[in-house]
Amino acid sequence: MGNHDYDPNLLRALDDLDLPGVPVEKGEWDRVLASARGQVNAKQPGRKARRSRPLLRLVRSAAVAAAACVVVLGSVNLANPAFAESLPLVGTLFSRINRSEDTRLRSEQLNQYAQTVEQTAESATSPYTVTLGQVYRDEDWMRLSLVLTAQDDSLVGFDTIRADAGGSMPLDPADASGALVLENGAAISQEGVGWFTRQDERTFVMGLNYPMFLYEEDRSLSGEQVTLQLHGLVAFNVEVLEEKTKEWGDSYQHLAYHDETPLDGDYTLTFTIPEPGTEGIRTFDGPEAQNGITLHSLTATPAAAKLDIQVPAQGSIQPKLTTEDGTLLKPERGEGTQVDENDSNSDYRWTYYFDTVPEDCHNVTVTVYNIVDYDKPDGYEILAEFTVPLS
């Protein structure tokens, strides 16, 4: 990396991206850098500049360094769930996505609490139809489920479809496949990478996640119409070369792509951002303290588990959440600020997001690790462990 790349805003944007767990080649690095620069340069009307803060990305799913890009057409009506549920797959898309992408614990709750929609988008240049199936939103996240169906056998033999955007990230996030474009032209970027995964020879499903808390610092976006675009679709087969989950929950996956085949067609969907849902939410309110670590709260919505915790400045600290039966809740994102910015030894207050807690689980264990050596299986120490009820 040359000196011109040492821009603090650029580095923070790079840290926001899902980077591989293995070194990337120059071409892939160029894509990552272009994506980060696009986020730094994007104009977001109505938003204030965010204060610099340390950011810890907890999940490293390798093989896709830059976020996928997507485009959409049409309008969505959330008022007719009966019609939408009559469409193939639509009413249970989150369960389908669950089986395909191993999101495990979200699916049934999202099926129960998500709004079902009826909008489809077609392209005159392709035999494919994209349907926006379900929308769920809590105070922090919005989850979308989509299904792609083929009218012919052109997708037979493929297990995955991604939005490639010609192999490079656009400088303007609003041009990215999968971005939600607001009425004022600003864009909400998806978190991570969304892929369509095969249900049968003509049907593929995908889930997209959007961190709404990053875009609502000045105003609520509820009720605003947004446009979702999908373009640059590429069908391929994926091979898992290596994957592992460490004791403290950090994940690594190394993938290889085969038989990459571009698909024709751009797809656009428009819909209205719903109000945050209030059903199915359970909480633990602290504080509870152990060994200098304070657990302030844990909130479980149908979309995610949100952990609010305060830890010492020293060390490389990561939390893990497990259910009553020992199931590990997959980490999504973590970010925090120092309690006293004028004191370098001040504690950090962190917010972490994990896969959500099953509704039949009433107690969650929060284990806090200090990572001494990431490369060693036993390179950690346990600093605190809390078992807390959700009600």
Protein backbone atom coordinates (compact mmCIF):
# COMPACT_ATOMS: atom_id res chain seq x y z
CA MET A 1 0.00 0.00 0.00
CA GLY A 2 1.41 3.36 -1.02
CA ASN A 3 1.54 6.46 1.13
CA HIS A 4 -1.49 7.89 -0.66
CA ASP A 5 -3.60 5.13 0.92
CA TYR A 6 -2.87 6.18 4.53
CA ASP A 7 -6.06 8.18 4.92
CA PRO A 8 -7.69 7.54 8.33
CA ASN A 9 -11.19 7.69 6.83
CA LEU A 10 -10.15 5.23 4.15
CA LEU A 11 -8.66 2.87 6.71
CA ARG A 12 -11.86 2.95 8.75
CA ALA A 13 -13.87 2.17 5.60
CA LEU A 14 -11.53 -0.74 4.87
CA ASP A 15 -12.06 -2.02 8.40
CA ASP A 16 -15.81 -1.95 7.76
CA LEU A 17 -15.49 -4.40 4.84
CA ASP A 18 -15.68 -8.19 5.14
CA LEU A 19 -12.07 -9.09 4.35
CA PRO A 20 -10.75 -12.58 3.65
CA GLY A 21 -8.96 -14.65 6.25
CA VAL A 22 -6.14 -15.32 3.76
CA PRO A 23 -3.91 -12.97 1.74
CA VAL A 24 -5.54 -11.60 -1.40
CA GLU A 25 -4.05 -11.13 -4.83
CA LYS A 26 -3.47 -7.64 -6.22
CA GLY A 27 -6.63 -7.63 -8.34
CA GLU A 28 -8.81 -8.55 -5.37
CA TRP A 29 -7.08 -5.93 -3.19
CA ASP A 30 -7.83 -3.29 -5.84
CA ARG A 31 -11.51 -4.19 -5.55
CA VAL A 32 -11.42 -3.88 -1.75
CA LEU A 33 -9.65 -0.52 -1.94
CA ALA A 34 -12.10 0.80 -4.55
CA SER A 35 -15.02 -0.20 -2.33
CA ALA A 36 -13.55 1.53 0.71
CA ARG A 37 -12.80 4.70 -1.28
CA GLY A 38 -16.37 4.66 -2.55
CA GLN A 39 -17.68 4.61 1.02
CA VAL A 40 -15.36 7.44 2.05
CA ASN A 41 -16.25 9.60 -0.96
CA ALA A 42 -19.99 8.93 -0.89
CA LYS A 43 -22.15 11.94 -0.19
CA GLN A 44 -24.79 11.20 2.44
CA PRO A 45 -27.20 14.17 2.55
CA GLY A 46 -28.67 14.77 5.99
CA ARG A 47 -25.98 12.85 7.86
CA LYS A 48 -23.34 14.24 10.15
CA ALA A 49 -19.77 12.98 10.07
CA ARG A 50 -19.37 10.13 12.52
CA ARG A 51 -16.85 10.39 15.30
CA SER A 52 -13.77 8.25 14.94
CA ARG A 53 -13.95 5.12 17.03
CA PRO A 54 -12.22 1.75 17.20
CA LEU A 55 -14.04 -0.94 15.25
CA LEU A 56 -13.68 -4.69 15.74
CA ARG A 57 -14.96 -6.98 13.01
CA LEU A 58 -15.68 -10.36 14.57
CA VAL A 59 -16.39 -12.59 11.57
CA ARG A 60 -13.91 -13.17 8.75
CA SER A 61 -15.63 -15.18 6.00
CA ALA A 62 -12.85 -15.53 3.46
CA ALA A 63 -12.94 -15.64 -0.33
CA VAL A 64 -15.09 -12.54 -0.92
CA ALA A 65 -13.14 -9.38 -0.14
CA ALA A 66 -15.48 -6.75 -1.53
CA ALA A 67 -19.23 -6.44 -0.99
CA ALA A 68 -21.45 -7.60 -3.87
CA CYS A 69 -23.37 -5.05 -5.97
CA VAL A 70 -27.12 -5.26 -6.91
CA VAL A 71 -30.00 -3.36 -8.87
CA VAL A 72 -33.92 -3.49 -8.67
CA LEU A 73 -37.37 -2.38 -10.41
CA GLY A 74 -40.98 -2.03 -9.20
CA SER A 75 -42.98 -1.16 -6.10
CA VAL A 76 -43.71 -3.19 -2.97
CA ASN A 77 -47.01 -3.38 -1.14
CA LEU A 78 -46.67 -4.65 2.43
CA ALA A 79 -50.44 -4.63 2.99
CA ASN A 80 -51.36 -7.90 1.30
CA PRO A 81 -49.55 -10.76 3.08
CA ALA A 82 -52.16 -13.35 2.09
CA PHE A 83 -51.41 -12.81 -1.59
CA ALA A 84 -47.68 -12.87 -1.03
CA GLU A 85 -47.83 -16.05 1.01
CA SER A 86 -49.60 -17.71 -1.91
CA LEU A 87 -46.52 -17.16 -4.08
CA PRO A 88 -44.07 -20.09 -4.22
CA LEU A 89 -41.58 -20.05 -1.31
CA VAL A 90 -42.20 -16.41 -0.39
CA GLY A 91 -43.90 -16.91 2.97
CA THR A 92 -41.08 -19.14 4.27
CA LEU A 93 -38.05 -17.63 2.56
CA PHE A 94 -36.11 -17.02 5.77
CA SER A 95 -36.35 -20.74 6.58
CA ARG A 96 -35.12 -21.56 3.07
CA ILE A 97 -32.25 -19.13 3.48
CA ASN A 98 -31.52 -20.66 6.86
CA ARG A 99 -31.00 -24.09 5.37
CA SER A 100 -28.88 -22.74 2.54
CA GLU A 101 -26.67 -20.26 4.40
CA ASP A 102 -26.57 -21.80 7.89
CA THR A 103 -28.04 -18.75 9.58
CA ARG A 104 -29.69 -21.33 11.84
CA LEU A 105 -31.35 -19.45 14.64
CA ARG A 106 -32.93 -16.50 12.84
CA SER A 107 -35.18 -18.20 10.35
CA GLU A 108 -38.27 -19.33 12.23
CA GLN A 109 -38.52 -16.13 14.25
CA LEU A 110 -38.11 -13.99 11.15
CA ASN A 111 -40.77 -16.00 9.35
CA GLN A 112 -43.11 -15.32 12.26
CA TYR A 113 -42.48 -11.59 12.65
CA ALA A 114 -41.42 -10.44 9.16
CA GLN A 115 -43.79 -8.64 6.81
CA THR A 116 -44.45 -10.62 3.63
CA VAL A 117 -44.46 -8.67 0.35
CA GLU A 118 -45.69 -9.37 -3.15
CA GLN A 119 -43.37 -7.48 -5.52
CA THR A 120 -41.49 -9.16 -8.36
CA ALA A 121 -39.09 -7.78 -10.94
CA GLU A 122 -38.37 -9.18 -14.38
CA SER A 123 -35.89 -8.32 -17.12
CA ALA A 124 -36.64 -8.26 -20.82
CA THR A 125 -33.17 -9.65 -21.54
CA SER A 126 -33.25 -12.71 -19.26
CA PRO A 127 -35.49 -15.63 -18.27
CA TYR A 128 -35.19 -14.81 -14.54
CA THR A 129 -37.57 -13.23 -12.03
CA VAL A 130 -36.54 -11.74 -8.67
CA THR A 131 -39.13 -11.53 -5.87
CA LEU A 132 -38.75 -9.59 -2.62
CA GLY A 133 -40.30 -12.04 -0.20
CA GLN A 134 -40.07 -10.78 3.39
CA VAL A 135 -38.90 -7.68 5.28
CA TYR A 136 -38.06 -7.61 8.99
CA ARG A 137 -36.78 -4.63 10.93
CA ASP A 138 -35.83 -4.02 14.55
CA GLU A 139 -34.24 -0.87 15.99
CA ASP A 140 -30.80 -1.71 14.56
CA TRP A 141 -31.15 -4.06 11.57
CA MET A 142 -33.31 -4.63 8.52
CA ARG A 143 -33.35 -8.10 6.94
CA LEU A 144 -34.65 -8.82 3.44
CA SER A 145 -35.32 -12.18 1.82
CA LEU A 146 -35.36 -12.61 -1.97
CA VAL A 147 -35.97 -15.47 -4.37
CA LEU A 148 -34.70 -15.78 -7.95
CA THR A 149 -36.57 -18.13 -10.28
CA ALA A 150 -35.63 -19.26 -13.79
CA GLN A 151 -38.10 -20.03 -16.58
CA ASP A 152 -35.62 -22.33 -18.34
CA ASP A 153 -32.83 -24.76 -17.42
CA SER A 154 -29.95 -22.27 -17.79
CA LEU A 155 -29.11 -22.47 -14.07
CA VAL A 156 -28.98 -26.26 -13.89
CA GLY A 157 -25.61 -27.32 -12.52
CA PHE A 158 -24.96 -24.12 -10.52
CA ASP A 159 -25.27 -23.90 -6.75
CA THR A 160 -24.70 -20.15 -6.18
CA ILE A 161 -25.39 -16.75 -7.80
CA ARG A 162 -23.67 -13.53 -6.74
CA ALA A 163 -23.94 -9.92 -7.90
CA ASP A 164 -20.54 -9.18 -9.41
CA ALA A 165 -20.94 -5.70 -10.97
CA GLY A 166 -18.34 -6.44 -13.62
CA GLY A 167 -15.68 -7.45 -11.12
CA SER A 168 -15.10 -4.05 -9.49
CA MET A 169 -16.81 -1.92 -6.87
CA PRO A 170 -18.38 1.39 -7.98
CA LEU A 171 -17.05 4.59 -6.44
CA ASP A 172 -20.60 5.65 -5.57
CA PRO A 173 -22.24 3.19 -3.12
CA ALA A 174 -25.62 4.03 -4.67
CA ASP A 175 -24.47 2.19 -7.81
CA ALA A 176 -23.64 -0.98 -5.89
CA SER A 177 -25.70 -4.08 -6.37
CA GLY A 178 -27.63 -4.69 -3.15
CA ALA A 179 -27.49 -1.08 -1.94
CA LEU A 180 -30.72 0.60 -0.80
CA VAL A 181 -31.02 4.02 -2.45
CA LEU A 182 -32.99 6.63 -0.51
CA GLU A 183 -35.17 9.34 -2.04
CA ASN A 184 -32.38 11.92 -1.56
CA GLY A 185 -29.86 9.72 -3.41
CA ALA A 186 -27.99 8.52 -0.32
CA ALA A 187 -27.34 4.78 -0.07
CA ILE A 188 -27.59 2.19 2.70
CA SER A 189 -24.93 -0.46 2.13
CA GLN A 190 -25.55 -4.08 2.98
CA GLU A 191 -23.54 -5.73 5.74
CA GLY A 192 -21.43 -8.58 4.45
CA VAL A 193 -22.05 -10.30 1.12
CA GLY A 194 -25.37 -11.65 -0.14
CA TRP A 195 -25.48 -14.72 -2.36
CA PHE A 196 -28.40 -16.56 -3.93
CA THR A 197 -28.11 -20.24 -3.01
CA ARG A 198 -29.86 -23.08 -4.80
CA GLN A 199 -33.14 -24.58 -3.59
CA ASP A 200 -33.76 -26.59 -6.75
CA GLU A 201 -32.66 -26.41 -10.39
CA ARG A 202 -34.72 -23.27 -11.07
CA THR A 203 -34.98 -21.59 -7.65
CA PHE A 204 -32.39 -19.66 -5.59
CA VAL A 205 -32.85 -17.71 -2.32
CA MET A 206 -30.85 -14.93 -0.64
CA GLY A 207 -30.90 -12.87 2.55
CA LEU A 208 -29.57 -9.30 2.80
CA ASN A 209 -28.74 -7.44 6.04
CA TYR A 210 -28.65 -3.67 6.53
CA PRO A 211 -27.24 -1.90 9.64
CA MET A 212 -29.87 0.83 10.05
CA PHE A 213 -28.18 2.23 13.18
CA LEU A 214 -25.38 3.58 10.98
CA TYR A 215 -27.82 5.67 8.94
CA GLU A 216 -30.32 6.97 11.50
CA GLU A 217 -28.16 9.18 13.67
CA ASP A 218 -30.03 12.34 12.64
CA ARG A 219 -33.47 11.17 11.54
CA SER A 220 -35.73 8.15 11.34
CA LEU A 221 -35.96 6.42 7.97
CA SER A 222 -39.26 4.70 8.76
CA GLY A 223 -41.81 5.33 6.04
CA GLU A 224 -39.21 6.38 3.45
CA GLN A 225 -39.29 4.71 0.06
CA VAL A 226 -36.08 2.99 -1.03
CA THR A 227 -34.92 1.32 -4.22
CA LEU A 228 -33.04 -1.97 -4.24
CA GLN A 229 -31.04 -2.83 -7.35
CA LEU A 230 -29.57 -6.16 -8.46
CA HIS A 231 -27.24 -6.35 -11.44
CA GLY A 232 -24.11 -8.05 -12.70
CA LEU A 233 -25.33 -11.49 -11.64
CA VAL A 234 -22.81 -14.33 -11.97
CA ALA A 235 -23.68 -18.02 -11.52
CA PHE A 236 -20.94 -20.29 -10.20
CA ASN A 237 -20.13 -23.24 -7.98
CA VAL A 238 -18.34 -22.81 -4.69
CA GLU A 239 -15.94 -25.20 -2.96
CA VAL A 240 -15.09 -24.91 0.73
CA LEU A 241 -11.34 -25.49 0.96
CA GLU A 242 -11.00 -24.84 4.68
CA GLU A 243 -13.15 -23.56 7.55
CA LYS A 244 -12.85 -23.39 11.30
CA THR A 245 -14.41 -21.71 14.33
CA LYS A 246 -12.15 -20.83 17.23
CA GLU A 247 -13.02 -21.28 20.88
CA TRP A 248 -13.99 -17.62 21.24
CA GLY A 249 -16.30 -17.71 18.20
CA ASP A 250 -14.07 -16.13 15.53
CA SER A 251 -14.73 -17.81 12.16
CA TYR A 252 -12.53 -18.50 9.15
CA GLN A 253 -13.55 -19.83 5.74
CA HIS A 254 -11.48 -20.29 2.58
CA LEU A 255 -13.50 -20.77 -0.61
CA ALA A 256 -12.76 -21.47 -4.28
CA TYR A 257 -15.04 -20.48 -7.21
CA HIS A 258 -15.64 -22.67 -10.27
CA ASP A 259 -17.63 -22.38 -13.56
CA GLU A 260 -18.28 -18.62 -13.25
CA THR A 261 -20.94 -17.61 -15.84
CA PRO A 262 -22.36 -14.04 -16.21
CA LEU A 263 -26.17 -13.77 -16.36
CA ASP A 264 -28.15 -11.14 -18.29
CA GLY A 265 -30.63 -8.86 -16.59
CA ASP A 266 -30.98 -5.93 -14.17
CA TYR A 267 -33.66 -6.01 -11.46
CA THR A 268 -35.13 -3.15 -9.43
CA LEU A 269 -37.56 -3.24 -6.49
CA THR A 270 -38.91 -0.34 -4.47
CA PHE A 271 -40.47 -0.60 -1.02
CA THR A 272 -41.18 1.44 2.08
CA ILE A 273 -38.94 1.03 5.14
CA PRO A 274 -41.18 -0.25 7.95
CA GLU A 275 -41.25 0.90 11.55
CA PRO A 276 -39.08 -1.20 13.89
CA GLY A 277 -40.95 -4.26 15.15
CA THR A 278 -41.68 -4.56 18.87
CA GLU A 279 -42.85 -8.19 19.11
CA GLY A 280 -40.66 -11.11 20.08
CA ILE A 281 -38.05 -8.94 21.88
CA ARG A 282 -36.52 -10.16 25.16
CA THR A 283 -33.96 -8.42 27.35
CA PHE A 284 -31.62 -8.68 30.31
CA ASP A 285 -30.90 -5.39 32.06
CA GLY A 286 -27.79 -5.16 34.23
CA PRO A 287 -25.38 -4.05 35.26
CA GLU A 288 -23.58 -7.18 36.39
CA ALA A 289 -19.81 -7.11 36.99
CA GLN A 290 -16.94 -9.61 37.19
CA ASN A 291 -13.19 -8.99 37.29
CA GLY A 292 -13.44 -5.42 35.99
CA ILE A 293 -15.89 -6.35 33.18
CA THR A 294 -19.44 -4.97 33.30
CA LEU A 295 -22.34 -6.51 31.39
CA HIS A 296 -24.83 -3.65 30.93
CA SER A 297 -27.52 -5.39 28.87
CA LEU A 298 -28.39 -8.16 26.41
CA THR A 299 -31.28 -7.77 23.97
CA ALA A 300 -32.60 -10.55 21.72
CA THR A 301 -34.86 -9.58 18.80
CA PRO A 302 -36.01 -11.87 15.97
CA ALA A 303 -33.09 -10.48 13.93
CA ALA A 304 -30.09 -10.36 16.28
CA ALA A 305 -28.71 -10.51 19.80
CA LYS A 306 -27.27 -7.18 20.97
CA LEU A 307 -24.67 -7.15 23.74
CA ASP A 308 -23.71 -3.97 25.64
CA ILE A 309 -20.53 -4.56 27.64
CA GLN A 310 -17.71 -2.54 29.20
CA VAL A 311 -14.15 -3.91 29.26
CA PRO A 312 -10.65 -2.72 30.21
CA ALA A 313 -8.55 -0.90 27.62
CA GLN A 314 -5.73 -3.43 27.86
CA GLY A 315 -5.79 -6.71 25.97
CA SER A 316 -7.53 -8.07 22.88
CA ILE A 317 -10.97 -8.88 24.21
CA GLN A 318 -13.75 -10.79 22.47
CA PRO A 319 -17.08 -12.04 23.87
CA LYS A 320 -18.89 -15.26 23.00
CA LEU A 321 -22.59 -16.05 23.39
CA THR A 322 -23.90 -19.59 23.85
CA THR A 323 -27.41 -20.93 24.42
CA GLU A 324 -28.58 -23.32 27.15
CA ASP A 325 -27.77 -26.34 24.98
CA GLY A 326 -24.26 -25.04 24.19
CA THR A 327 -25.01 -23.72 20.69
CA LEU A 328 -22.60 -20.96 19.68
CA LEU A 329 -24.31 -17.78 18.43
CA LYS A 330 -22.42 -16.53 15.39
CA PRO A 331 -20.88 -13.04 15.76
CA GLU A 332 -21.84 -10.34 13.23
CA ARG A 333 -20.32 -7.04 14.21
CA GLY A 334 -18.72 -5.13 17.08
CA GLU A 335 -17.78 -1.51 17.66
CA GLY A 336 -17.00 0.61 20.70
CA THR A 337 -15.73 3.86 22.14
CA GLN A 338 -13.55 4.72 25.09
CA VAL A 339 -15.53 5.82 28.13
CA ASP A 340 -13.15 8.72 28.75
CA GLU A 341 -11.55 9.80 25.47
CA ASN A 342 -9.03 11.93 27.37
CA ASP A 343 -7.68 8.93 29.31
CA SER A 344 -5.84 6.28 27.29
CA ASN A 345 -6.35 3.79 30.14
CA SER A 346 -10.11 4.31 30.27
CA ASP A 347 -12.47 1.37 29.76
CA TYR A 348 -14.12 0.71 26.40
CA ARG A 349 -17.91 0.46 26.02
CA TRP A 350 -18.69 -2.03 23.27
CA THR A 351 -21.82 -3.00 21.35
CA TYR A 352 -21.65 -6.45 19.76
CA TYR A 353 -24.22 -8.10 17.49
CA PHE A 354 -24.68 -11.86 17.21
CA ASP A 355 -27.09 -14.31 15.63
CA THR A 356 -30.29 -14.12 17.64
CA VAL A 357 -31.34 -16.31 20.56
CA PRO A 358 -33.93 -19.07 19.88
CA GLU A 359 -37.29 -18.30 21.45
CA ASP A 360 -37.21 -21.50 23.48
CA CYS A 361 -33.89 -20.47 25.08
CA HIS A 362 -34.40 -18.55 28.33
CA ASN A 363 -30.80 -18.16 29.55
CA VAL A 364 -27.69 -17.10 27.63
CA THR A 365 -24.07 -17.43 28.71
CA VAL A 366 -21.73 -14.53 27.92
CA THR A 367 -18.06 -15.53 28.04
CA VAL A 368 -15.40 -12.83 27.75
CA TYR A 369 -11.99 -13.84 26.38
CA ASN A 370 -8.64 -12.10 26.24
CA ILE A 371 -6.93 -13.34 23.07
CA VAL A 372 -3.22 -13.76 23.71
CA ASP A 373 -2.30 -15.50 20.44
CA TYR A 374 -4.80 -15.78 17.57
CA ASP A 375 -2.74 -18.51 15.87
CA LYS A 376 -2.83 -20.96 18.79
CA PRO A 377 -5.91 -23.02 19.72
CA ASP A 378 -5.22 -22.38 23.40
CA GLY A 379 -3.99 -18.80 22.95
CA TYR A 380 -6.65 -17.22 25.15
CA GLU A 381 -7.74 -16.71 28.75
CA ILE A 382 -11.27 -16.40 30.14
CA LEU A 383 -11.77 -13.14 31.99
CA ALA A 384 -15.44 -13.40 32.94
CA GLU A 385 -18.53 -15.55 32.42
CA PHE A 386 -22.14 -14.44 32.94
CA THR A 387 -25.27 -16.57 32.65
CA VAL A 388 -28.23 -14.21 32.34
CA PRO A 389 -32.01 -14.68 31.89
CA LEU A 390 -34.01 -13.16 29.02
CA SER A 391 -37.55 -12.02 29.67
